[in-house]
Amino acid sequence: MITWTYYLQDAIPTEQLSRIVATNALIATLLVPVAYAVAGPAAELISVRVVLGGCAVIVLGAAVIAACSRDVRQLITGRMNPA
């Protein structure tokens, strides 16, 4: 979270930062109850191990997809041009 917050502050213009942070917080807050509502019944239907493995695949897949973006790679290395 510290790294994410730093990158937001570094890459987003100050006049847009509050909107981006608020949208990010809203989406994260809304997705947690949805994930809880889906994970419990899925663990009962399948198994806890399969659900945890599926969640790990989703998280790693999202990270790989994000890393495939040239803009993300440039942000990570600090070479992103300010907007």
PDB file of N, CA and C in Angstrom:
ATOM      1  N   MET A   1       0.822  -1.196   0.000  1.00  0.00           N
ATOM      2  CA  MET A   1       0.000   0.000   0.000  1.00  0.00           C
ATOM      3  C   MET A   1       0.865   1.258   0.000  1.00  0.00           C
ATOM      4  N   ILE A   2       1.965   1.206   0.685  1.00  0.00           N
ATOM      5  CA  ILE A   2       2.846   2.377   0.725  1.00  0.00           C
ATOM      6  C   ILE A   2       3.404   2.661  -0.665  1.00  0.00           C
ATOM      7  N   THR A   3       3.830   1.616  -1.351  1.00  0.00           N
ATOM      8  CA  THR A   3       4.369   1.791  -2.699  1.00  0.00           C
ATOM      9  C   THR A   3       3.294   2.305  -3.647  1.00  0.00           C
ATOM     10  N   TRP A   4       2.083   1.743  -3.555  1.00  0.00           N
ATOM     11  CA  TRP A   4       0.986   2.190  -4.409  1.00  0.00           C
ATOM     12  C   TRP A   4       0.684   3.663  -4.160  1.00  0.00           C
ATOM     13  N   THR A   5       0.606   4.070  -2.906  1.00  0.00           N
ATOM     14  CA  THR A   5       0.320   5.466  -2.568  1.00  0.00           C
ATOM     15  C   THR A   5       1.426   6.384  -3.085  1.00  0.00           C
ATOM     16  N   TYR A   6       2.664   5.954  -2.945  1.00  0.00           N
ATOM     17  CA  TYR A   6       3.783   6.752  -3.455  1.00  0.00           C
ATOM     18  C   TYR A   6       3.679   6.937  -4.966  1.00  0.00           C
ATOM     19  N   TYR A   7       3.417   5.847  -5.684  1.00  0.00           N
ATOM     20  CA  TYR A   7       3.306   5.948  -7.139  1.00  0.00           C
ATOM     21  C   TYR A   7       2.142   6.830  -7.557  1.00  0.00           C
ATOM     22  N   LEU A   8       1.032   6.741  -6.850  1.00  0.00           N
ATOM     23  CA  LEU A   8      -0.092   7.625  -7.160  1.00  0.00           C
ATOM     24  C   LEU A   8       0.306   9.088  -6.999  1.00  0.00           C
ATOM     25  N   GLN A   9       0.939   9.389  -5.883  1.00  0.00           N
ATOM     26  CA  GLN A   9       1.335  10.772  -5.634  1.00  0.00           C
ATOM     27  C   GLN A   9       2.393  11.242  -6.617  1.00  0.00           C
ATOM     28  N   ASP A  10       3.220  10.333  -7.073  1.00  0.00           N
ATOM     29  CA  ASP A  10       4.297  10.688  -7.988  1.00  0.00           C
ATOM     30  C   ASP A  10       3.800  10.837  -9.429  1.00  0.00           C
ATOM     31  N   ALA A  11       2.852   9.996  -9.845  1.00  0.00           N
ATOM     32  CA  ALA A  11       2.461   9.944 -11.247  1.00  0.00           C
ATOM     33  C   ALA A  11       1.210  10.746 -11.589  1.00  0.00           C
ATOM     34  N   ILE A  12       0.348  11.016 -10.604  1.00  0.00           N
ATOM     35  CA  ILE A  12      -0.918  11.688 -10.868  1.00  0.00           C
ATOM     36  C   ILE A  12      -0.775  13.171 -10.534  1.00  0.00           C
ATOM     37  N   PRO A  13      -1.234  14.050 -11.414  1.00  0.00           N
ATOM     38  CA  PRO A  13      -1.195  15.482 -11.104  1.00  0.00           C
ATOM     39  C   PRO A  13      -1.997  15.789  -9.827  1.00  0.00           C
ATOM     40  N   THR A  14      -1.531  16.742  -9.065  1.00  0.00           N
ATOM     41  CA  THR A  14      -2.126  17.066  -7.765  1.00  0.00           C
ATOM     42  C   THR A  14      -3.613  17.372  -7.861  1.00  0.00           C
ATOM     43  N   GLU A  15      -4.028  18.074  -8.905  1.00  0.00           N
ATOM     44  CA  GLU A  15      -5.440  18.449  -9.023  1.00  0.00           C
ATOM     45  C   GLU A  15      -6.346  17.251  -9.304  1.00  0.00           C
ATOM     46  N   GLN A  16      -5.797  16.117  -9.719  1.00  0.00           N
ATOM     47  CA  GLN A  16      -6.587  14.915  -9.990  1.00  0.00           C
ATOM     48  C   GLN A  16      -6.420  13.842  -8.917  1.00  0.00           C
ATOM     49  N   LEU A  17      -5.475  14.026  -8.043  1.00  0.00           N
ATOM     50  CA  LEU A  17      -5.111  12.984  -7.086  1.00  0.00           C
ATOM     51  C   LEU A  17      -6.264  12.600  -6.163  1.00  0.00           C
ATOM     52  N   SER A  18      -7.004  13.561  -5.642  1.00  0.00           N
ATOM     53  CA  SER A  18      -8.073  13.228  -4.696  1.00  0.00           C
ATOM     54  C   SER A  18      -9.153  12.382  -5.361  1.00  0.00           C
ATOM     55  N   ARG A  19      -9.481  12.667  -6.609  1.00  0.00           N
ATOM     56  CA  ARG A  19     -10.485  11.864  -7.315  1.00  0.00           C
ATOM     57  C   ARG A  19     -10.006  10.436  -7.535  1.00  0.00           C
ATOM     58  N   ILE A  20      -8.757  10.300  -7.912  1.00  0.00           N
ATOM     59  CA  ILE A  20      -8.205   8.965  -8.159  1.00  0.00           C
ATOM     60  C   ILE A  20      -8.178   8.152  -6.862  1.00  0.00           C
ATOM     61  N   VAL A  21      -7.713   8.758  -5.781  1.00  0.00           N
ATOM     62  CA  VAL A  21      -7.640   8.053  -4.501  1.00  0.00           C
ATOM     63  C   VAL A  21      -9.039   7.690  -4.008  1.00  0.00           C
ATOM     64  N   ALA A  22     -10.002   8.601  -4.154  1.00  0.00           N
ATOM     65  CA  ALA A  22     -11.372   8.317  -3.719  1.00  0.00           C
ATOM     66  C   ALA A  22     -11.983   7.188  -4.542  1.00  0.00           C
ATOM     67  N   THR A  23     -11.767   7.196  -5.837  1.00  0.00           N
ATOM     68  CA  THR A  23     -12.293   6.128  -6.691  1.00  0.00           C
ATOM     69  C   THR A  23     -11.648   4.797  -6.346  1.00  0.00           C
ATOM     70  N   ASN A  24     -10.363   4.799  -6.127  1.00  0.00           N
ATOM     71  CA  ASN A  24      -9.641   3.596  -5.741  1.00  0.00           C
ATOM     72  C   ASN A  24     -10.190   3.037  -4.427  1.00  0.00           C
ATOM     73  N   ALA A  25     -10.402   3.890  -3.446  1.00  0.00           N
ATOM     74  CA  ALA A  25     -10.931   3.452  -2.151  1.00  0.00           C
ATOM     75  C   ALA A  25     -12.359   2.930  -2.289  1.00  0.00           C
ATOM     76  N   LEU A  26     -13.165   3.583  -3.089  1.00  0.00           N
ATOM     77  CA  LEU A  26     -14.548   3.146  -3.288  1.00  0.00           C
ATOM     78  C   LEU A  26     -14.603   1.760  -3.915  1.00  0.00           C
ATOM     79  N   ILE A  27     -13.826   1.555  -4.947  1.00  0.00           N
ATOM     80  CA  ILE A  27     -13.824   0.252  -5.621  1.00  0.00           C
ATOM     81  C   ILE A  27     -13.321  -0.833  -4.675  1.00  0.00           C
ATOM     82  N   ALA A  28     -12.246  -0.561  -3.958  1.00  0.00           N
ATOM     83  CA  ALA A  28     -11.701  -1.556  -3.028  1.00  0.00           C
ATOM     84  C   ALA A  28     -12.699  -1.864  -1.919  1.00  0.00           C
ATOM     85  N   THR A  29     -13.388  -0.843  -1.424  1.00  0.00           N
ATOM     86  CA  THR A  29     -14.360  -1.050  -0.352  1.00  0.00           C
ATOM     87  C   THR A  29     -15.564  -1.837  -0.837  1.00  0.00           C
ATOM     88  N   LEU A  30     -15.987  -1.612  -2.057  1.00  0.00           N
ATOM     89  CA  LEU A  30     -17.141  -2.325  -2.592  1.00  0.00           C
ATOM     90  C   LEU A  30     -16.827  -3.775  -2.942  1.00  0.00           C
ATOM     91  N   LEU A  31     -15.600  -4.046  -3.342  1.00  0.00           N
ATOM     92  CA  LEU A  31     -15.263  -5.401  -3.770  1.00  0.00           C
ATOM     93  C   LEU A  31     -15.061  -6.375  -2.614  1.00  0.00           C
ATOM     94  N   VAL A  32     -14.708  -5.895  -1.449  1.00  0.00           N
ATOM     95  CA  VAL A  32     -14.468  -6.790  -0.313  1.00  0.00           C
ATOM     96  C   VAL A  32     -15.735  -7.558   0.074  1.00  0.00           C
ATOM     97  N   PRO A  33     -16.888  -6.903   0.291  1.00  0.00           N
ATOM     98  CA  PRO A  33     -18.084  -7.685   0.625  1.00  0.00           C
ATOM     99  C   PRO A  33     -18.510  -8.637  -0.500  1.00  0.00           C
ATOM    100  N   VAL A  34     -18.308  -8.227  -1.736  1.00  0.00           N
ATOM    101  CA  VAL A  34     -18.650  -9.107  -2.854  1.00  0.00           C
ATOM    102  C   VAL A  34     -17.765 -10.360  -2.821  1.00  0.00           C
ATOM    103  N   ALA A  35     -16.490 -10.162  -2.568  1.00  0.00           N
ATOM    104  CA  ALA A  35     -15.572 -11.306  -2.497  1.00  0.00           C
ATOM    105  C   ALA A  35     -15.946 -12.230  -1.342  1.00  0.00           C
ATOM    106  N   TYR A  36     -16.299 -11.657  -0.188  1.00  0.00           N
ATOM    107  CA  TYR A  36     -16.725 -12.483   0.944  1.00  0.00           C
ATOM    108  C   TYR A  36     -17.997 -13.256   0.612  1.00  0.00           C
ATOM    109  N   ALA A  37     -18.924 -12.606  -0.055  1.00  0.00           N
ATOM    110  CA  ALA A  37     -20.198 -13.252  -0.385  1.00  0.00           C
ATOM    111  C   ALA A  37     -20.008 -14.395  -1.375  1.00  0.00           C
ATOM    112  N   VAL A  38     -19.026 -14.292  -2.242  1.00  0.00           N
ATOM    113  CA  VAL A  38     -18.794 -15.330  -3.240  1.00  0.00           C
ATOM    114  C   VAL A  38     -17.884 -16.432  -2.687  1.00  0.00           C
ATOM    115  N   ALA A  39     -16.889 -16.068  -1.897  1.00  0.00           N
ATOM    116  CA  ALA A  39     -15.889 -17.038  -1.441  1.00  0.00           C
ATOM    117  C   ALA A  39     -16.479 -18.077  -0.490  1.00  0.00           C
ATOM    118  N   GLY A  40     -17.361 -17.659   0.407  1.00  0.00           N
ATOM    119  CA  GLY A  40     -17.931 -18.601   1.365  1.00  0.00           C
ATOM    120  C   GLY A  40     -18.723 -19.715   0.695  1.00  0.00           C
ATOM    121  N   PRO A  41     -19.731 -19.369  -0.110  1.00  0.00           N
ATOM    122  CA  PRO A  41     -20.478 -20.432  -0.793  1.00  0.00           C
ATOM    123  C   PRO A  41     -19.614 -21.258  -1.754  1.00  0.00           C
ATOM    124  N   ALA A  42     -18.656 -20.606  -2.409  1.00  0.00           N
ATOM    125  CA  ALA A  42     -17.783 -21.355  -3.326  1.00  0.00           C
ATOM    126  C   ALA A  42     -16.944 -22.369  -2.561  1.00  0.00           C
ATOM    127  N   ALA A  43     -16.471 -22.005  -1.371  1.00  0.00           N
ATOM    128  CA  ALA A  43     -15.681 -22.937  -0.563  1.00  0.00           C
ATOM    129  C   ALA A  43     -16.526 -24.120  -0.101  1.00  0.00           C
ATOM    130  N   GLU A  44     -17.805 -23.875   0.163  1.00  0.00           N
ATOM    131  CA  GLU A  44     -18.687 -24.986   0.546  1.00  0.00           C
ATOM    132  C   GLU A  44     -18.991 -25.897  -0.639  1.00  0.00           C
ATOM    133  N   LEU A  45     -19.176 -25.314  -1.817  1.00  0.00           N
ATOM    134  CA  LEU A  45     -19.496 -26.114  -3.000  1.00  0.00           C
ATOM    135  C   LEU A  45     -18.299 -26.915  -3.499  1.00  0.00           C
ATOM    136  N   ILE A  46     -17.162 -26.263  -3.554  1.00  0.00           N
ATOM    137  CA  ILE A  46     -15.969 -26.923  -4.101  1.00  0.00           C
ATOM    138  C   ILE A  46     -15.143 -27.404  -2.903  1.00  0.00           C
ATOM    139  N   SER A  47     -14.125 -26.639  -2.564  1.00  0.00           N
ATOM    140  CA  SER A  47     -13.341 -26.863  -1.346  1.00  0.00           C
ATOM    141  C   SER A  47     -12.554 -25.598  -1.076  1.00  0.00           C
ATOM    142  N   VAL A  48     -12.130 -25.455   0.154  1.00  0.00           N
ATOM    143  CA  VAL A  48     -11.374 -24.259   0.528  1.00  0.00           C
ATOM    144  C   VAL A  48     -10.075 -24.180  -0.266  1.00  0.00           C
ATOM    145  N   ARG A  49      -9.416 -25.310  -0.424  1.00  0.00           N
ATOM    146  CA  ARG A  49      -8.128 -25.334  -1.135  1.00  0.00           C
ATOM    147  C   ARG A  49      -8.284 -24.880  -2.590  1.00  0.00           C
ATOM    148  N   VAL A  50      -9.325 -25.329  -3.253  1.00  0.00           N
ATOM    149  CA  VAL A  50      -9.550 -24.949  -4.650  1.00  0.00           C
ATOM    150  C   VAL A  50      -9.882 -23.463  -4.754  1.00  0.00           C
ATOM    151  N   VAL A  51     -10.696 -22.952  -3.829  1.00  0.00           N
ATOM    152  CA  VAL A  51     -11.047 -21.526  -3.850  1.00  0.00           C
ATOM    153  C   VAL A  51      -9.813 -20.673  -3.602  1.00  0.00           C
ATOM    154  N   LEU A  52      -8.991 -21.038  -2.625  1.00  0.00           N
ATOM    155  CA  LEU A  52      -7.767 -20.274  -2.369  1.00  0.00           C
ATOM    156  C   LEU A  52      -6.815 -20.335  -3.558  1.00  0.00           C
ATOM    157  N   GLY A  53      -6.693 -21.499  -4.168  1.00  0.00           N
ATOM    158  CA  GLY A  53      -5.859 -21.619  -5.365  1.00  0.00           C
ATOM    159  C   GLY A  53      -6.388 -20.772  -6.507  1.00  0.00           C
ATOM    160  N   GLY A  54      -7.704 -20.769  -6.690  1.00  0.00           N
ATOM    161  CA  GLY A  54      -8.310 -19.933  -7.730  1.00  0.00           C
ATOM    162  C   GLY A  54      -8.079 -18.454  -7.478  1.00  0.00           C
ATOM    163  N   CYS A  55      -8.194 -18.048  -6.223  1.00  0.00           N
ATOM    164  CA  CYS A  55      -7.936 -16.642  -5.880  1.00  0.00           C
ATOM    165  C   CYS A  55      -6.478 -16.275  -6.146  1.00  0.00           C
ATOM    166  N   ALA A  56      -5.576 -17.190  -5.826  1.00  0.00           N
ATOM    167  CA  ALA A  56      -4.156 -16.932  -6.081  1.00  0.00           C
ATOM    168  C   ALA A  56      -3.900 -16.789  -7.577  1.00  0.00           C
ATOM    169  N   VAL A  57      -4.541 -17.624  -8.385  1.00  0.00           N
ATOM    170  CA  VAL A  57      -4.388 -17.542  -9.843  1.00  0.00           C
ATOM    171  C   VAL A  57      -4.921 -16.204 -10.353  1.00  0.00           C
ATOM    172  N   ILE A  58      -6.067 -15.757  -9.820  1.00  0.00           N
ATOM    173  CA  ILE A  58      -6.633 -14.467 -10.243  1.00  0.00           C
ATOM    174  C   ILE A  58      -5.696 -13.324  -9.912  1.00  0.00           C
ATOM    175  N   VAL A  59      -5.160 -13.320  -8.686  1.00  0.00           N
ATOM    176  CA  VAL A  59      -4.265 -12.233  -8.264  1.00  0.00           C
ATOM    177  C   VAL A  59      -2.979 -12.241  -9.090  1.00  0.00           C
ATOM    178  N   LEU A  60      -2.376 -13.407  -9.248  1.00  0.00           N
ATOM    179  CA  LEU A  60      -1.147 -13.478 -10.038  1.00  0.00           C
ATOM    180  C   LEU A  60      -1.400 -13.145 -11.502  1.00  0.00           C
ATOM    181  N   GLY A  61      -2.530 -13.590 -12.033  1.00  0.00           N
ATOM    182  CA  GLY A  61      -2.871 -13.268 -13.414  1.00  0.00           C
ATOM    183  C   GLY A  61      -3.040 -11.771 -13.617  1.00  0.00           C
ATOM    184  N   ALA A  62      -3.709 -11.122 -12.663  1.00  0.00           N
ATOM    185  CA  ALA A  62      -3.878  -9.670 -12.759  1.00  0.00           C
ATOM    186  C   ALA A  62      -2.529  -8.952 -12.698  1.00  0.00           C
ATOM    187  N   ALA A  63      -1.631  -9.443 -11.855  1.00  0.00           N
ATOM    188  CA  ALA A  63      -0.303  -8.828 -11.763  1.00  0.00           C
ATOM    189  C   ALA A  63       0.482  -9.005 -13.059  1.00  0.00           C
ATOM    190  N   VAL A  64       0.387 -10.181 -13.662  1.00  0.00           N
ATOM    191  CA  VAL A  64       1.089 -10.435 -14.923  1.00  0.00           C
ATOM    192  C   VAL A  64       0.508  -9.568 -16.037  1.00  0.00           C
ATOM    193  N   ILE A  65      -0.821  -9.466 -16.094  1.00  0.00           N
ATOM    194  CA  ILE A  65      -1.449  -8.633 -17.120  1.00  0.00           C
ATOM    195  C   ILE A  65      -1.036  -7.176 -16.954  1.00  0.00           C
ATOM    196  N   ALA A  66      -1.006  -6.692 -15.707  1.00  0.00           N
ATOM    197  CA  ALA A  66      -0.578  -5.314 -15.469  1.00  0.00           C
ATOM    198  C   ALA A  66       0.883  -5.121 -15.858  1.00  0.00           C
ATOM    199  N   ALA A  67       1.720  -6.104 -15.554  1.00  0.00           N
ATOM    200  CA  ALA A  67       3.144  -5.988 -15.883  1.00  0.00           C
ATOM    201  C   ALA A  67       3.388  -6.017 -17.386  1.00  0.00           C
ATOM    202  N   CYS A  68       2.444  -6.542 -18.154  1.00  0.00           N
ATOM    203  CA  CYS A  68       2.585  -6.563 -19.607  1.00  0.00           C
ATOM    204  C   CYS A  68       2.388  -5.179 -20.237  1.00  0.00           C
ATOM    205  N   SER A  69       1.818  -4.259 -19.489  1.00  0.00           N
ATOM    206  CA  SER A  69       1.601  -2.910 -20.001  1.00  0.00           C
ATOM    207  C   SER A  69       2.899  -2.114 -19.966  1.00  0.00           C
ATOM    208  N   ARG A  70       3.245  -1.510 -21.075  1.00  0.00           N
ATOM    209  CA  ARG A  70       4.472  -0.718 -21.149  1.00  0.00           C
ATOM    210  C   ARG A  70       4.433   0.450 -20.172  1.00  0.00           C
ATOM    211  N   ASP A  71       3.259   1.077 -20.027  1.00  0.00           N
ATOM    212  CA  ASP A  71       3.148   2.211 -19.104  1.00  0.00           C
ATOM    213  C   ASP A  71       3.401   1.787 -17.668  1.00  0.00           C
ATOM    214  N   VAL A  72       2.949   0.619 -17.286  1.00  0.00           N
ATOM    215  CA  VAL A  72       3.188   0.128 -15.920  1.00  0.00           C
ATOM    216  C   VAL A  72       4.669  -0.161 -15.726  1.00  0.00           C
ATOM    217  N   ARG A  73       5.292  -0.788 -16.693  1.00  0.00           N
ATOM    218  CA  ARG A  73       6.724  -1.068 -16.570  1.00  0.00           C
ATOM    219  C   ARG A  73       7.530   0.221 -16.479  1.00  0.00           C
ATOM    220  N   GLN A  74       7.152   1.241 -17.220  1.00  0.00           N
ATOM    221  CA  GLN A  74       7.863   2.513 -17.144  1.00  0.00           C
ATOM    222  C   GLN A  74       7.628   3.180 -15.802  1.00  0.00           C
ATOM    223  N   LEU A  75       6.443   3.040 -15.235  1.00  0.00           N
ATOM    224  CA  LEU A  75       6.159   3.608 -13.922  1.00  0.00           C
ATOM    225  C   LEU A  75       7.013   2.929 -12.865  1.00  0.00           C
ATOM    226  N   ILE A  76       7.163   1.614 -12.976  1.00  0.00           N
ATOM    227  CA  ILE A  76       7.947   0.871 -12.002  1.00  0.00           C
ATOM    228  C   ILE A  76       9.405   1.300 -12.032  1.00  0.00           C
ATOM    229  N   THR A  77       9.933   1.568 -13.205  1.00  0.00           N
ATOM    230  CA  THR A  77      11.343   1.946 -13.304  1.00  0.00           C
ATOM    231  C   THR A  77      11.563   3.444 -13.131  1.00  0.00           C
ATOM    232  N   GLY A  78      10.487   4.204 -12.946  1.00  0.00           N
ATOM    233  CA  GLY A  78      10.615   5.630 -12.711  1.00  0.00           C
ATOM    234  C   GLY A  78      10.838   6.455 -13.968  1.00  0.00           C
ATOM    235  N   ARG A  79      10.597   5.879 -15.147  1.00  0.00           N
ATOM    236  CA  ARG A  79      10.836   6.591 -16.388  1.00  0.00           C
ATOM    237  C   ARG A  79       9.574   7.200 -16.973  1.00  0.00           C
ATOM    238  N   MET A  80       8.460   7.175 -16.264  1.00  0.00           N
ATOM    239  CA  MET A  80       7.212   7.686 -16.808  1.00  0.00           C
ATOM    240  C   MET A  80       7.270   9.199 -16.922  1.00  0.00           C
ATOM    241  N   ASN A  81       6.832   9.695 -18.056  1.00  0.00           N
ATOM    242  CA  ASN A  81       6.808  11.137 -18.280  1.00  0.00           C
ATOM    243  C   ASN A  81       5.623  11.742 -17.539  1.00  0.00           C
ATOM    244  N   PRO A  82       5.807  12.877 -16.813  1.00  0.00           N
ATOM    245  CA  PRO A  82       4.664  13.500 -16.154  1.00  0.00           C
ATOM    246  C   PRO A  82       3.678  14.031 -17.170  1.00  0.00           C
ATOM    247  N   ALA A  83       2.392  13.900 -16.830  1.00  0.00           N
ATOM    248  CA  ALA A  83       1.330  14.337 -17.747  1.00  0.00           C
ATOM    249  C   ALA A  83       1.166  15.833 -17.723  1.00  0.00           C
TER     250      ALA A  83
END
